Every structure is written in C-alpha cells, then in structure tokens.
Amino acid sequence: MVNPESKSAFAEVTERKVGAIGETNFDYYRFEYTWEAQPGEWLFEVRQNNRLLLQKRFDVQL
C-alpha cells in the first residue's frame, strides 16, 4: 500500500509487543485510513524470536 501524502510504500507492518508467560493478550489490525484498505489476500502473523506462533490468511473485499 502507498501513503498518498508521503508516497511511502509498505508491504508489511511490524510491531514489537511485550508480555509475560501465561498472560492473556490479543492483537489486531484495523484500517485507520481509506488508502490502507487494499483488496486481496492479507496475512496476519504472530512471531516470537523469528519463530512462527500463529498465521491467519484472509481476503479483504471492498
């Protein structure tokens, strides 16, 4: 996706989360700007030290 103001292009968004073992937590992604909503297949992953813990593919339809 491309930010129309800055012209910056993004293929992924990475965030660092801190939690404790046994602690319940959640994460999500939401479209904050209309230009972020790109139709097609998206991939949501949760990793710990480069180890894949969770992967969910889904289709965004506009």
Protein backbone atom coordinates (compact mmCIF):
# COMPACT_ATOMS: atom_id res chain seq x y z
CA MET A 1 0.00 0.00 0.00
CA VAL A 2 1.16 3.56 -0.64
CA ASN A 3 0.57 6.55 1.60
CA PRO A 4 -0.72 9.22 -0.83
CA GLU A 5 0.71 12.09 1.25
CA SER A 6 4.24 10.84 1.94
CA LYS A 7 4.43 8.49 -1.08
CA SER A 8 5.92 5.86 1.28
CA ALA A 9 5.18 2.27 0.24
CA PHE A 10 4.51 -0.51 2.75
CA ALA A 11 4.45 -4.27 2.21
CA GLU A 12 4.27 -5.12 5.91
CA VAL A 13 3.67 -3.62 9.33
CA THR A 14 5.78 -4.87 12.22
CA GLU A 15 5.14 -4.16 15.89
CA ARG A 16 7.01 -5.28 18.99
CA LYS A 17 4.84 -6.47 21.86
CA VAL A 18 5.91 -7.19 25.43
CA GLY A 19 4.04 -9.71 27.60
CA ALA A 20 4.54 -12.30 30.26
CA ILE A 21 4.30 -16.09 30.03
CA GLY A 22 0.79 -17.19 30.93
CA GLU A 23 -0.61 -13.69 30.46
CA THR A 24 -3.69 -13.38 28.24
CA ASN A 25 -3.19 -10.92 25.39
CA PHE A 26 -4.63 -10.08 22.00
CA ASP A 27 -3.67 -8.16 18.88
CA TYR A 28 -5.45 -6.86 15.82
CA TYR A 29 -5.06 -4.65 12.78
CA ARG A 30 -7.56 -2.08 11.66
CA PHE A 31 -7.63 0.23 8.69
CA GLU A 32 -7.02 3.72 10.01
CA TYR A 33 -7.05 5.39 6.58
CA THR A 34 -9.00 4.53 3.43
CA TRP A 35 -5.77 4.10 1.42
CA GLU A 36 -4.78 1.21 3.71
CA ALA A 37 -7.80 -0.86 2.70
CA GLN A 38 -6.37 -2.82 -0.22
CA PRO A 39 -8.43 -5.70 -1.60
CA GLY A 40 -6.90 -9.14 -1.86
CA GLU A 41 -5.24 -11.70 0.37
CA TRP A 42 -3.75 -10.48 3.62
CA LEU A 43 -1.59 -12.40 6.08
CA PHE A 44 -1.56 -11.86 9.85
CA GLU A 45 1.33 -13.47 11.75
CA VAL A 46 2.50 -13.60 15.34
CA ARG A 47 6.18 -14.45 15.82
CA GLN A 48 8.46 -14.86 18.79
CA ASN A 49 12.20 -14.67 18.16
CA ASN A 50 11.58 -15.40 14.45
CA ARG A 51 9.50 -18.48 15.37
CA LEU A 52 6.05 -18.51 13.79
CA LEU A 53 3.39 -18.93 16.50
CA LEU A 54 0.25 -18.04 14.56
CA GLN A 55 -0.66 -17.37 10.95
CA LYS A 56 -4.05 -16.35 9.55
CA ARG A 57 -4.78 -15.62 5.89
CA PHE A 58 -7.91 -13.70 4.94
CA ASP A 59 -9.36 -11.85 1.98
CA VAL A 60 -10.20 -8.17 2.12
CA GLN A 61 -13.14 -7.34 -0.10
CA LEU A 62 -14.30 -3.80 -0.71
